[in-house]
N, C-alpha and C. Protein backbone atom coordinates (compact mmCIF):
# COMPACT_ATOMS: atom_id res chain seq x y z
N MET A 1 110.80 58.54 105.86
CA MET A 1 111.06 59.93 106.17
C MET A 1 111.70 60.62 104.96
N LEU A 2 111.19 61.80 104.66
CA LEU A 2 111.72 62.60 103.55
C LEU A 2 112.19 63.95 104.07
N SER A 3 113.18 64.54 103.40
CA SER A 3 113.58 65.89 103.74
C SER A 3 112.77 66.86 102.88
N VAL A 4 112.86 68.14 103.21
CA VAL A 4 112.11 69.16 102.46
C VAL A 4 112.56 69.17 101.00
N ARG A 5 113.85 69.08 100.79
CA ARG A 5 114.38 69.10 99.43
C ARG A 5 113.91 67.90 98.63
N GLN A 6 113.91 66.70 99.23
CA GLN A 6 113.47 65.50 98.53
C GLN A 6 111.99 65.58 98.18
N LEU A 7 111.18 66.07 99.13
CA LEU A 7 109.74 66.17 98.87
C LEU A 7 109.45 67.20 97.79
N ALA A 8 110.18 68.32 97.81
CA ALA A 8 109.99 69.34 96.78
C ALA A 8 110.34 68.79 95.39
N LYS A 9 111.39 67.99 95.34
CA LYS A 9 111.78 67.39 94.06
C LYS A 9 110.73 66.38 93.60
N GLN A 10 110.17 65.63 94.56
CA GLN A 10 109.15 64.62 94.23
C GLN A 10 107.86 65.28 93.74
N LEU A 11 107.46 66.39 94.37
CA LEU A 11 106.23 67.08 93.99
C LEU A 11 106.41 68.04 92.82
N GLY A 12 107.66 68.41 92.55
CA GLY A 12 107.92 69.34 91.45
C GLY A 12 107.59 70.77 91.82
N CYS A 13 107.88 71.14 93.05
CA CYS A 13 107.64 72.51 93.51
C CYS A 13 108.89 73.02 94.22
N SER A 14 108.79 74.21 94.76
CA SER A 14 109.95 74.79 95.44
C SER A 14 110.01 74.34 96.90
N ARG A 15 111.18 74.50 97.48
CA ARG A 15 111.32 74.17 98.90
C ARG A 15 110.50 75.12 99.76
N ALA A 16 110.36 76.36 99.29
CA ALA A 16 109.57 77.34 100.04
C ALA A 16 108.11 76.92 100.13
N ALA A 17 107.58 76.32 99.06
CA ALA A 17 106.19 75.85 99.08
C ALA A 17 106.01 74.73 100.09
N VAL A 18 106.97 73.81 100.16
CA VAL A 18 106.91 72.72 101.14
C VAL A 18 107.03 73.28 102.54
N LYS A 19 107.93 74.24 102.73
CA LYS A 19 108.13 74.86 104.05
C LYS A 19 106.87 75.59 104.49
N ARG A 20 106.20 76.26 103.55
CA ARG A 20 104.94 76.96 103.85
C ARG A 20 103.87 75.97 104.27
N ALA A 21 103.83 74.81 103.61
CA ALA A 21 102.86 73.77 103.97
C ALA A 21 103.14 73.24 105.38
N ILE A 22 104.40 73.13 105.75
CA ILE A 22 104.75 72.70 107.10
C ILE A 22 104.31 73.75 108.11
N ASP A 23 104.57 75.03 107.80
CA ASP A 23 104.20 76.10 108.70
C ASP A 23 102.69 76.20 108.89
N LYS A 24 101.92 75.93 107.82
CA LYS A 24 100.46 75.98 107.91
C LYS A 24 99.87 74.75 108.57
N GLY A 25 100.69 73.72 108.74
CA GLY A 25 100.21 72.51 109.38
C GLY A 25 99.63 71.48 108.43
N MET A 26 99.84 71.66 107.14
CA MET A 26 99.33 70.70 106.16
C MET A 26 100.16 69.42 106.16
N LEU A 27 101.44 69.54 106.47
CA LEU A 27 102.34 68.39 106.52
C LEU A 27 102.90 68.24 107.93
N LEU A 28 103.01 67.01 108.38
CA LEU A 28 103.61 66.75 109.68
C LEU A 28 105.11 66.60 109.47
N ALA A 29 105.89 67.36 110.24
CA ALA A 29 107.34 67.31 110.10
C ALA A 29 107.99 67.48 111.46
N LYS A 30 109.15 66.88 111.59
CA LYS A 30 109.94 67.01 112.82
C LYS A 30 111.24 67.69 112.47
N ARG A 31 111.67 68.57 113.33
CA ARG A 31 112.95 69.25 113.12
C ARG A 31 114.07 68.37 113.65
N VAL A 32 114.89 67.89 112.75
CA VAL A 32 115.99 67.01 113.11
C VAL A 32 117.24 67.83 113.44
N HIS A 33 117.47 68.85 112.65
CA HIS A 33 118.63 69.71 112.79
C HIS A 33 118.15 71.14 112.59
N SER A 34 119.02 72.12 112.79
CA SER A 34 118.60 73.51 112.63
C SER A 34 118.11 73.82 111.22
N ARG A 35 118.64 73.11 110.22
CA ARG A 35 118.22 73.34 108.84
C ARG A 35 117.49 72.15 108.22
N LEU A 36 117.34 71.09 108.96
CA LEU A 36 116.79 69.86 108.38
C LEU A 36 115.46 69.49 109.01
N TRP A 37 114.45 69.31 108.15
CA TRP A 37 113.13 68.85 108.58
C TRP A 37 112.93 67.44 108.02
N MET A 38 112.39 66.55 108.82
CA MET A 38 112.05 65.23 108.34
C MET A 38 110.53 65.13 108.27
N ILE A 39 110.02 64.85 107.10
CA ILE A 39 108.58 64.83 106.87
C ILE A 39 108.10 63.39 106.84
N GLU A 40 107.04 63.14 107.58
CA GLU A 40 106.43 61.81 107.58
C GLU A 40 105.55 61.69 106.34
N PRO A 41 105.79 60.70 105.48
CA PRO A 41 105.05 60.60 104.22
C PRO A 41 103.62 60.10 104.42
N ASN A 42 102.72 61.00 104.78
CA ASN A 42 101.30 60.69 104.91
C ASN A 42 100.68 60.90 103.52
N GLN A 43 100.14 59.84 102.93
CA GLN A 43 99.65 59.90 101.55
C GLN A 43 98.50 60.89 101.39
N ARG A 44 97.63 60.97 102.38
CA ARG A 44 96.50 61.90 102.30
C ARG A 44 97.00 63.34 102.28
N ALA A 45 97.93 63.67 103.17
CA ALA A 45 98.47 65.02 103.23
C ALA A 45 99.23 65.37 101.95
N LEU A 46 99.98 64.39 101.43
CA LEU A 46 100.73 64.63 100.20
C LEU A 46 99.81 64.86 99.01
N SER A 47 98.71 64.09 98.94
CA SER A 47 97.78 64.26 97.83
C SER A 47 97.04 65.60 97.94
N LEU A 48 96.71 66.03 99.18
CA LEU A 48 96.08 67.34 99.37
C LEU A 48 97.03 68.48 98.97
N LEU A 49 98.30 68.34 99.33
CA LEU A 49 99.28 69.35 98.95
C LEU A 49 99.46 69.39 97.44
N GLN A 50 99.50 68.23 96.81
CA GLN A 50 99.63 68.17 95.35
C GLN A 50 98.42 68.81 94.67
N ALA A 51 97.22 68.55 95.20
CA ALA A 51 96.01 69.15 94.64
C ALA A 51 96.04 70.67 94.78
N ARG A 52 96.51 71.14 95.92
CA ARG A 52 96.61 72.59 96.15
C ARG A 52 97.62 73.22 95.19
N LEU A 53 98.75 72.56 94.99
CA LEU A 53 99.75 73.08 94.06
C LEU A 53 99.23 73.11 92.63
N ASP A 54 98.48 72.08 92.24
CA ASP A 54 97.89 72.04 90.89
C ASP A 54 96.87 73.16 90.71
N TYR A 55 96.06 73.39 91.75
CA TYR A 55 95.05 74.46 91.70
C TYR A 55 95.73 75.82 91.56
N LEU A 56 96.76 76.06 92.36
CA LEU A 56 97.47 77.34 92.27
C LEU A 56 98.12 77.53 90.92
N CYS A 57 98.64 76.46 90.35
CA CYS A 57 99.25 76.52 89.03
C CYS A 57 98.22 76.90 87.97
N SER A 58 97.04 76.29 88.04
CA SER A 58 96.00 76.60 87.05
C SER A 58 95.47 78.02 87.23
N VAL A 59 95.33 78.47 88.46
CA VAL A 59 94.85 79.84 88.71
C VAL A 59 95.86 80.85 88.16
N ARG A 60 97.14 80.61 88.38
CA ARG A 60 98.17 81.52 87.87
C ARG A 60 98.21 81.53 86.35
N GLN A 61 98.00 80.35 85.75
CA GLN A 61 98.00 80.27 84.29
C GLN A 61 96.81 81.03 83.71
N GLN A 62 95.62 80.88 84.32
CA GLN A 62 94.44 81.62 83.85
C GLN A 62 94.65 83.12 83.97
N ARG A 63 95.22 83.56 85.10
CA ARG A 63 95.47 84.97 85.30
C ARG A 63 96.48 85.49 84.28
N ARG A 64 97.52 84.70 84.01
CA ARG A 64 98.53 85.09 83.04
C ARG A 64 97.90 85.28 81.67
N GLU A 65 97.04 84.35 81.26
CA GLU A 65 96.38 84.45 79.96
C GLU A 65 95.44 85.65 79.90
N ARG A 66 94.70 85.87 80.99
CA ARG A 66 93.78 87.00 81.04
C ARG A 66 94.52 88.33 80.95
N MET A 67 95.64 88.45 81.67
CA MET A 67 96.42 89.69 81.62
C MET A 67 97.04 89.89 80.23
N LYS A 68 97.45 88.79 79.60
CA LYS A 68 98.04 88.88 78.26
C LYS A 68 97.01 89.39 77.25
N THR A 69 95.77 88.89 77.35
CA THR A 69 94.73 89.36 76.41
C THR A 69 94.37 90.81 76.69
N LEU A 70 94.33 91.19 77.97
CA LEU A 70 94.04 92.59 78.29
C LEU A 70 95.14 93.51 77.76
N TRP A 71 96.38 93.08 77.84
CA TRP A 71 97.50 93.88 77.34
C TRP A 71 97.43 94.02 75.83
N ARG A 72 97.10 92.90 75.16
CA ARG A 72 97.04 92.92 73.69
C ARG A 72 95.89 93.79 73.18
N THR A 73 94.78 93.80 73.89
CA THR A 73 93.63 94.61 73.46
C THR A 73 93.79 96.08 73.84
N GLY A 74 94.76 96.40 74.67
CA GLY A 74 95.01 97.79 75.04
C GLY A 74 94.24 98.24 76.26
N LYS A 75 93.61 97.33 76.96
CA LYS A 75 92.84 97.71 78.15
C LYS A 75 93.72 97.78 79.40
N LEU A 76 94.94 97.29 79.26
CA LEU A 76 95.86 97.30 80.40
C LEU A 76 97.04 98.18 80.04
N ARG A 77 97.31 99.14 80.90
CA ARG A 77 98.43 100.05 80.65
C ARG A 77 99.43 99.96 81.79
N PRO A 78 100.69 100.29 81.50
CA PRO A 78 101.68 100.28 82.58
C PRO A 78 101.36 101.36 83.60
N LYS A 79 101.78 101.11 84.85
CA LYS A 79 101.51 102.08 85.91
C LYS A 79 102.28 103.36 85.65
N ARG A 80 101.63 104.47 85.93
CA ARG A 80 102.30 105.75 85.81
C ARG A 80 103.05 106.04 87.11
N ARG A 81 104.19 106.64 86.95
CA ARG A 81 104.95 107.01 88.14
C ARG A 81 104.30 108.21 88.81
N LYS A 82 104.23 108.15 90.13
CA LYS A 82 103.65 109.27 90.86
C LYS A 82 104.67 110.39 90.96
N ARG A 83 104.20 111.59 90.74
CA ARG A 83 105.08 112.74 90.88
C ARG A 83 104.99 113.25 92.31
N VAL A 84 106.14 113.32 92.92
CA VAL A 84 106.21 113.81 94.29
C VAL A 84 106.84 115.19 94.26
N GLU A 85 106.12 116.14 94.81
CA GLU A 85 106.60 117.50 94.82
C GLU A 85 106.91 117.91 96.25
N VAL A 86 108.16 118.27 96.49
CA VAL A 86 108.57 118.69 97.83
C VAL A 86 108.33 120.18 97.94
N VAL A 87 107.40 120.56 98.80
CA VAL A 87 107.05 121.96 98.95
C VAL A 87 108.02 122.63 99.91
N GLU A 88 108.15 122.07 101.10
CA GLU A 88 109.02 122.67 102.10
C GLU A 88 109.67 121.55 102.90
N ARG A 89 110.97 121.52 102.93
CA ARG A 89 111.67 120.46 103.63
C ARG A 89 111.55 120.58 105.13
N LEU A 90 111.60 121.78 105.63
CA LEU A 90 111.58 121.98 107.07
C LEU A 90 110.49 122.98 107.40
N LYS A 91 109.50 122.53 108.12
CA LYS A 91 108.42 123.43 108.50
C LYS A 91 108.69 123.91 109.91
N ARG A 92 108.80 125.19 110.04
CA ARG A 92 109.10 125.76 111.35
C ARG A 92 107.82 125.97 112.14
N PRO A 93 107.90 125.77 113.46
CA PRO A 93 106.71 126.03 114.28
C PRO A 93 106.45 127.53 114.38
N THR A 94 105.18 127.91 114.47
CA THR A 94 104.82 129.32 114.56
C THR A 94 104.46 129.72 115.99
N VAL A 95 104.16 128.72 116.82
CA VAL A 95 103.73 129.00 118.19
C VAL A 95 104.51 128.11 119.15
N ILE A 96 104.82 128.64 120.34
CA ILE A 96 105.47 127.86 121.38
C ILE A 96 104.57 127.85 122.60
N ALA A 97 104.49 126.68 123.26
CA ALA A 97 103.66 126.55 124.46
C ALA A 97 104.58 126.46 125.67
N VAL A 98 104.30 127.25 126.69
CA VAL A 98 105.10 127.27 127.91
C VAL A 98 104.18 126.93 129.07
N GLY A 99 104.62 126.02 129.95
CA GLY A 99 103.82 125.64 131.11
C GLY A 99 103.16 124.30 130.88
N GLN A 100 102.44 123.83 131.93
CA GLN A 100 101.77 122.54 131.85
C GLN A 100 100.33 122.66 132.33
N GLY A 101 99.49 121.82 131.71
CA GLY A 101 98.10 121.74 132.14
C GLY A 101 97.35 123.05 131.97
N VAL A 102 96.71 123.50 133.08
CA VAL A 102 95.90 124.72 133.03
C VAL A 102 96.78 125.96 132.91
N TYR A 103 98.04 125.82 133.29
CA TYR A 103 98.96 126.95 133.28
C TYR A 103 99.67 127.13 131.95
N THR A 104 99.29 126.38 130.93
CA THR A 104 99.93 126.49 129.62
C THR A 104 99.55 127.81 128.97
N ARG A 105 100.58 128.48 128.47
CA ARG A 105 100.37 129.73 127.74
C ARG A 105 101.10 129.60 126.41
N THR A 106 100.54 130.16 125.36
CA THR A 106 101.17 130.09 124.04
C THR A 106 101.55 131.48 123.59
N VAL A 107 102.62 131.54 122.80
CA VAL A 107 103.07 132.81 122.26
C VAL A 107 103.69 132.54 120.90
N GLY A 108 103.58 133.47 119.98
CA GLY A 108 104.10 133.31 118.63
C GLY A 108 105.61 133.44 118.57
N ILE A 109 106.22 132.84 117.54
CA ILE A 109 107.67 132.87 117.34
C ILE A 109 107.97 133.73 116.11
N VAL A 110 108.94 134.63 116.25
CA VAL A 110 109.40 135.43 115.13
C VAL A 110 110.71 134.83 114.66
N TRP A 111 110.78 134.41 113.38
CA TRP A 111 111.97 133.74 112.86
C TRP A 111 112.86 134.74 112.13
N ARG A 112 114.15 134.73 112.48
CA ARG A 112 115.16 135.52 111.79
C ARG A 112 116.27 134.56 111.39
N ASP A 113 116.43 134.33 110.11
CA ASP A 113 117.39 133.36 109.57
C ASP A 113 117.12 131.98 110.16
N ASP A 114 118.09 131.40 110.89
CA ASP A 114 117.92 130.05 111.46
C ASP A 114 117.50 130.06 112.91
N GLU A 115 117.28 131.22 113.48
CA GLU A 115 116.96 131.32 114.89
C GLU A 115 115.64 132.03 115.10
N GLY A 116 114.85 131.50 116.03
CA GLY A 116 113.57 132.12 116.35
C GLY A 116 113.64 132.85 117.68
N GLU A 117 112.93 133.97 117.77
CA GLU A 117 112.90 134.75 119.00
C GLU A 117 111.49 134.88 119.49
N THR A 118 111.33 134.76 120.78
CA THR A 118 110.03 134.94 121.41
C THR A 118 110.27 135.31 122.87
N HIS A 119 109.21 135.57 123.59
CA HIS A 119 109.33 135.86 125.01
C HIS A 119 108.39 134.97 125.80
N CYS A 120 108.73 134.72 127.04
CA CYS A 120 107.91 133.88 127.91
C CYS A 120 106.63 134.64 128.24
N PRO A 121 105.46 134.00 128.09
CA PRO A 121 104.20 134.71 128.37
C PRO A 121 103.98 134.97 129.87
N CYS A 122 104.72 134.29 130.71
CA CYS A 122 104.54 134.47 132.16
C CYS A 122 105.45 135.55 132.71
N CYS A 123 106.78 135.41 132.42
CA CYS A 123 107.74 136.30 133.07
C CYS A 123 108.39 137.28 132.08
N SER A 124 108.05 137.23 130.81
CA SER A 124 108.56 138.09 129.74
C SER A 124 110.06 137.95 129.51
N ALA A 125 110.66 136.81 129.86
CA ALA A 125 112.06 136.59 129.57
C ALA A 125 112.23 136.23 128.10
N MET A 126 113.33 136.67 127.51
CA MET A 126 113.58 136.38 126.10
C MET A 126 113.93 134.89 125.91
N LEU A 127 113.34 134.27 124.92
CA LEU A 127 113.59 132.85 124.62
C LEU A 127 114.09 132.76 123.19
N LYS A 128 115.10 131.93 122.97
CA LYS A 128 115.62 131.70 121.62
C LYS A 128 115.29 130.26 121.23
N VAL A 129 114.80 130.08 120.02
CA VAL A 129 114.41 128.76 119.51
C VAL A 129 115.26 128.45 118.31
N LYS A 130 115.82 127.24 118.29
CA LYS A 130 116.62 126.83 117.14
C LYS A 130 115.94 125.71 116.40
């Protein structure tokens, strides 16, 4: 039985990689304690995990070299920051709806400073909107 830390040290990878392999079901492990996993040393599973780690290492190295050559040739540029322009922080409603369903009536709002004034379309009572 091996712990996650021991297996990571043996494979030369991070504990997170071993934990991910356990979560994906590549390695059989039993939870002994809240923080401790005991891994059964299955040689086939260990060799498959090692092959996967080697493959990922080579893919990352190839990508690193490719990006380095693109940067050196000038085909790769740093990302430009997006300009965000705030037009209006608070958009006030222009119409108010009173009633429900078929009885819904709408009427426009007249804004004066921070308060809006309108009237009820049914009974003509004054309504204030904040």
